[in-house]
Protein backbone atom coordinates (compact mmCIF):
# COMPACT_ATOMS: atom_id res chain seq x y z
CA MET A 1 -8.68 -11.17 -5.74
CA GLU A 2 -5.22 -12.06 -4.51
CA LEU A 3 -3.77 -8.99 -2.81
CA LEU A 4 -0.14 -9.80 -3.50
CA PRO A 5 0.50 -12.13 -6.46
CA ALA A 6 4.00 -13.53 -6.91
CA GLU A 7 4.81 -11.35 -9.93
CA ILE A 8 4.06 -8.16 -7.97
CA ARG A 9 5.75 -9.46 -4.80
CA ALA A 10 8.96 -9.94 -6.81
CA LEU A 11 9.00 -6.27 -7.87
CA LEU A 12 8.84 -4.77 -4.38
CA PRO A 13 11.97 -3.31 -2.81
CA ALA A 14 13.08 -4.75 0.51
CA LEU A 15 12.36 -2.89 3.74
CA TYR A 16 14.64 0.14 4.14
CA ALA A 17 15.69 0.03 0.45
CA GLN A 18 14.24 3.50 -0.09
CA SER A 19 14.99 4.88 3.39
CA GLU A 20 17.58 7.33 2.06
CA CYS A 21 15.23 8.50 -0.70
CA SER A 22 13.43 11.75 0.09
CA ASP A 23 10.60 10.87 -2.32
CA ALA A 24 10.08 7.10 -2.36
CA ILE A 25 8.15 5.26 -5.05
CA ALA A 26 4.83 3.58 -4.26
CA TYR A 27 4.42 0.28 -6.10
CA ILE A 28 0.98 -0.88 -4.95
CA LYS A 29 -2.26 0.76 -3.88
CA PHE A 30 -4.66 -1.10 -1.58
CA PHE A 31 -8.01 0.46 -0.67
CA THR A 32 -11.29 -0.13 1.11
CA PRO A 33 -14.20 0.22 -1.34
CA ASP A 34 -16.63 1.08 1.48
CA SER A 35 -14.55 3.76 3.23
CA ASN A 36 -11.75 6.25 2.61
CA TRP A 37 -8.72 4.19 3.70
CA THR A 38 -5.82 3.64 1.30
CA TRP A 39 -2.42 1.99 1.72
CA TYR A 40 0.44 2.73 -0.68
CA VAL A 41 3.29 0.20 -0.53
CA THR A 42 6.85 1.41 -0.94
CA GLU A 43 8.73 -1.55 0.60
CA PHE A 44 8.12 -5.15 1.71
CA ASP A 45 9.99 -7.57 3.98
CA GLY A 46 9.17 -10.51 1.68
CA GLU A 47 6.91 -12.14 4.25
CA ASP A 48 4.18 -10.00 5.81
CA THR A 49 5.32 -6.46 6.62
CA PHE A 50 4.92 -3.50 4.32
CA PHE A 51 6.13 0.07 4.70
CA GLY A 52 4.41 2.95 2.98
CA LEU A 53 1.91 5.76 3.10
CA VAL A 54 -1.38 5.15 4.90
CA VAL A 55 -4.22 7.54 4.17
CA GLY A 56 -7.29 7.38 6.40
CA PHE A 57 -8.26 9.88 9.03
CA ASP A 58 -4.82 11.37 8.43
CA GLU A 59 -1.76 10.67 6.28
CA GLU A 60 1.25 8.94 7.77
CA LEU A 61 4.19 6.80 6.82
CA GLY A 62 4.32 3.52 8.66
CA TYR A 63 4.30 -0.25 8.75
CA PHE A 64 1.27 -2.44 8.02
CA SER A 65 0.85 -6.14 7.41
CA LEU A 66 -0.40 -8.19 4.51
CA SER A 67 -2.16 -10.60 6.86
CA GLU A 68 -4.17 -7.78 8.46
CA LEU A 69 -5.15 -6.41 5.06
CA GLN A 70 -6.28 -9.89 3.99
CA GLU A 71 -8.37 -10.42 7.13
CA TYR A 72 -10.03 -7.00 7.26
CA ARG A 73 -13.74 -6.60 6.51
CA GLY A 74 -15.27 -3.14 6.32
CA ALA A 75 -18.56 -2.02 7.84
CA LEU A 76 -20.39 -3.50 4.85
CA GLY A 77 -18.33 -6.72 5.00
CA ILE A 78 -16.31 -5.76 1.93
CA VAL A 79 -12.66 -6.81 1.72
CA ILE A 80 -9.67 -4.63 0.92
CA GLU A 81 -8.74 -4.60 -2.77
CA ARG A 82 -5.64 -3.91 -4.83
CA ASP A 83 -6.02 -1.16 -7.43
CA LEU A 84 -5.40 -3.06 -10.65
CA HIS A 85 -4.84 0.17 -12.60
CA PHE A 86 -2.40 1.85 -10.21
CA LYS A 87 0.84 3.02 -11.81
CA LEU A 88 4.08 3.63 -9.92
CA LYS A 89 4.06 7.06 -8.30
CA ARG A 90 6.26 9.11 -6.04
CA LEU A 91 4.85 9.74 -2.57
CA SER A 92 4.88 13.48 -3.28
CA GLN A 93 2.36 12.88 -6.08
CA LEU A 94 0.08 10.90 -3.79
CA ARG A 95 0.20 13.43 -1.01
CA CYS A 96 -0.95 16.12 -3.42
CA GLY A 97 -4.06 14.11 -4.25
CA ASP A 98 -3.02 13.43 -7.85
CA ASP A 99 -3.89 9.75 -7.54
């Protein structure tokens, strides 16, 4: 599966586009099927760098890269996937576990 097809790439706001927003919108959900890590994308630089909510051992807002997501293999050798059924959500909804 292609993690970031052109039609989805075109929809993503540029980095810092939602920086003044107190409750940014997540456009994409990436996840590891063999662990509990999830990345919610709120912004993209158009090349490789995302900004969004990362949920793993803890929850934090930060930067992560498309190239690292594409290269990653979990403990079972499984790749990161994009949730094909994910709908746009505010970060406040995701932090509450409503995903």
